[in-house]
Amino acid sequence: MRMEITQSSLALRPREAAKALGISPRTLWGLTAPRGPIPCARVGSGKRRTVLYPTADLQAWLSRQAESEKGCDDDAR
């Protein structure tokens, strides 16, 4: 699985991040820190508060997932 993110994007909103990862927004929310391993930045306050997912962090998390899956595949053989 390859995540396509334009280099001009520093961070993605939840729907964009979920689409880039190929998962539902609900699944992304369940994997979002502090509940899960995907880091995010919470910015603003009150009604203007939003969650952003830095693209570099998403790519790093996805790379770690791919590496851990490789390790599991090697063990199964």
C-alpha atoms as a PDB file:
ATOM      1  CA  MET A   1       0.000   0.000   0.000  1.00  0.00           C
ATOM      2  CA  ARG A   2       1.409   3.394  -0.944  1.00  0.00           C
ATOM      3  CA  MET A   3       0.111   6.642   0.450  1.00  0.00           C
ATOM      4  CA  GLU A   4       0.023   9.478  -2.063  1.00  0.00           C
ATOM      5  CA  ILE A   5       0.453  12.869  -0.448  1.00  0.00           C
ATOM      6  CA  THR A   6       1.456  16.020  -2.213  1.00  0.00           C
ATOM      7  CA  GLN A   7       4.656  17.527  -0.899  1.00  0.00           C
ATOM      8  CA  SER A   8       2.921  20.907  -0.437  1.00  0.00           C
ATOM      9  CA  SER A   9       0.660  19.479   2.295  1.00  0.00           C
ATOM     10  CA  LEU A  10       2.155  19.833   5.758  1.00  0.00           C
ATOM     11  CA  ALA A  11      -0.896  18.278   7.400  1.00  0.00           C
ATOM     12  CA  LEU A  12      -4.209  16.714   6.440  1.00  0.00           C
ATOM     13  CA  ARG A  13      -7.670  17.018   7.933  1.00  0.00           C
ATOM     14  CA  PRO A  14      -9.184  13.750   9.219  1.00  0.00           C
ATOM     15  CA  ARG A  15     -11.153  12.848   6.073  1.00  0.00           C
ATOM     16  CA  GLU A  16      -8.149  13.577   3.851  1.00  0.00           C
ATOM     17  CA  ALA A  17      -5.831  11.568   6.103  1.00  0.00           C
ATOM     18  CA  ALA A  18      -8.224   8.604   6.189  1.00  0.00           C
ATOM     19  CA  LYS A  19      -8.547   8.658   2.407  1.00  0.00           C
ATOM     20  CA  ALA A  20      -4.759   8.851   1.974  1.00  0.00           C
ATOM     21  CA  LEU A  21      -4.340   5.834   4.270  1.00  0.00           C
ATOM     22  CA  GLY A  22      -7.178   3.917   2.622  1.00  0.00           C
ATOM     23  CA  ILE A  23      -9.176   3.556   5.834  1.00  0.00           C
ATOM     24  CA  SER A  24     -12.436   5.002   7.116  1.00  0.00           C
ATOM     25  CA  PRO A  25     -12.465   8.198   9.179  1.00  0.00           C
ATOM     26  CA  ARG A  26     -13.897   6.167  12.064  1.00  0.00           C
ATOM     27  CA  THR A  27     -10.988   3.705  11.923  1.00  0.00           C
ATOM     28  CA  LEU A  28      -8.544   6.616  11.771  1.00  0.00           C
ATOM     29  CA  TRP A  29     -10.124   8.175  14.851  1.00  0.00           C
ATOM     30  CA  GLY A  30      -9.743   4.882  16.721  1.00  0.00           C
ATOM     31  CA  LEU A  31      -6.059   4.780  15.787  1.00  0.00           C
ATOM     32  CA  THR A  32      -5.435   8.431  16.678  1.00  0.00           C
ATOM     33  CA  ALA A  33      -3.342   9.254  19.745  1.00  0.00           C
ATOM     34  CA  PRO A  34      -3.832   8.981  22.662  1.00  0.00           C
ATOM     35  CA  ARG A  35      -6.008   5.898  21.958  1.00  0.00           C
ATOM     36  CA  GLY A  36      -3.772   4.613  19.210  1.00  0.00           C
ATOM     37  CA  PRO A  37      -0.393   5.037  17.544  1.00  0.00           C
ATOM     38  CA  ILE A  38      -1.179   7.665  14.886  1.00  0.00           C
ATOM     39  CA  PRO A  39       0.038  11.097  16.001  1.00  0.00           C
ATOM     40  CA  CYS A  40      -2.005  14.240  15.423  1.00  0.00           C
ATOM     41  CA  ALA A  41      -1.947  17.916  16.261  1.00  0.00           C
ATOM     42  CA  ARG A  42      -4.940  19.526  17.912  1.00  0.00           C
ATOM     43  CA  VAL A  43      -5.038  23.217  17.015  1.00  0.00           C
ATOM     44  CA  GLY A  44      -7.339  26.077  17.881  1.00  0.00           C
ATOM     45  CA  SER A  45      -9.847  26.322  20.683  1.00  0.00           C
ATOM     46  CA  GLY A  46     -13.563  26.036  21.211  1.00  0.00           C
ATOM     47  CA  LYS A  47     -15.669  25.558  18.075  1.00  0.00           C
ATOM     48  CA  ARG A  48     -12.647  26.345  15.906  1.00  0.00           C
ATOM     49  CA  ARG A  49     -10.609  23.474  17.329  1.00  0.00           C
ATOM     50  CA  THR A  50      -9.519  20.962  14.715  1.00  0.00           C
ATOM     51  CA  VAL A  51      -7.373  17.876  14.431  1.00  0.00           C
ATOM     52  CA  LEU A  52      -4.601  17.773  11.845  1.00  0.00           C
ATOM     53  CA  TYR A  53      -2.411  14.857  10.837  1.00  0.00           C
ATOM     54  CA  PRO A  54       1.128  15.911   9.842  1.00  0.00           C
ATOM     55  CA  THR A  55       1.949  14.132   6.577  1.00  0.00           C
ATOM     56  CA  ALA A  56       5.489  13.248   7.697  1.00  0.00           C
ATOM     57  CA  ASP A  57       4.060  11.528  10.795  1.00  0.00           C
ATOM     58  CA  LEU A  58       1.511   9.612   8.707  1.00  0.00           C
ATOM     59  CA  GLN A  59       4.212   8.427   6.324  1.00  0.00           C
ATOM     60  CA  ALA A  60       6.487   7.390   9.212  1.00  0.00           C
ATOM     61  CA  TRP A  61       3.638   5.474  10.893  1.00  0.00           C
ATOM     62  CA  LEU A  62       2.742   3.706   7.655  1.00  0.00           C
ATOM     63  CA  SER A  63       6.385   2.764   7.070  1.00  0.00           C
ATOM     64  CA  ARG A  64       6.601   1.289  10.583  1.00  0.00           C
ATOM     65  CA  GLN A  65       3.428  -0.707   9.918  1.00  0.00           C
ATOM     66  CA  ALA A  66       4.839  -2.063   6.665  1.00  0.00           C
ATOM     67  CA  GLU A  67       8.104  -3.047   8.392  1.00  0.00           C
ATOM     68  CA  SER A  68       6.316  -4.813  11.223  1.00  0.00           C
ATOM     69  CA  GLU A  69       4.176  -6.719   8.703  1.00  0.00           C
ATOM     70  CA  LYS A  70       7.344  -7.824   6.881  1.00  0.00           C
ATOM     71  CA  GLY A  71       8.697  -9.184  10.138  1.00  0.00           C
ATOM     72  CA  CYS A  72       5.493 -11.145  10.732  1.00  0.00           C
ATOM     73  CA  ASP A  73       5.601 -12.613   7.225  1.00  0.00           C
ATOM     74  CA  ASP A  74       9.206 -13.716   7.669  1.00  0.00           C
ATOM     75  CA  ASP A  75       8.360 -15.473  10.939  1.00  0.00           C
ATOM     76  CA  ALA A  76       5.499 -17.406   9.333  1.00  0.00           C
ATOM     77  CA  ARG A  77       7.722 -19.043   6.737  1.00  0.00           C
END
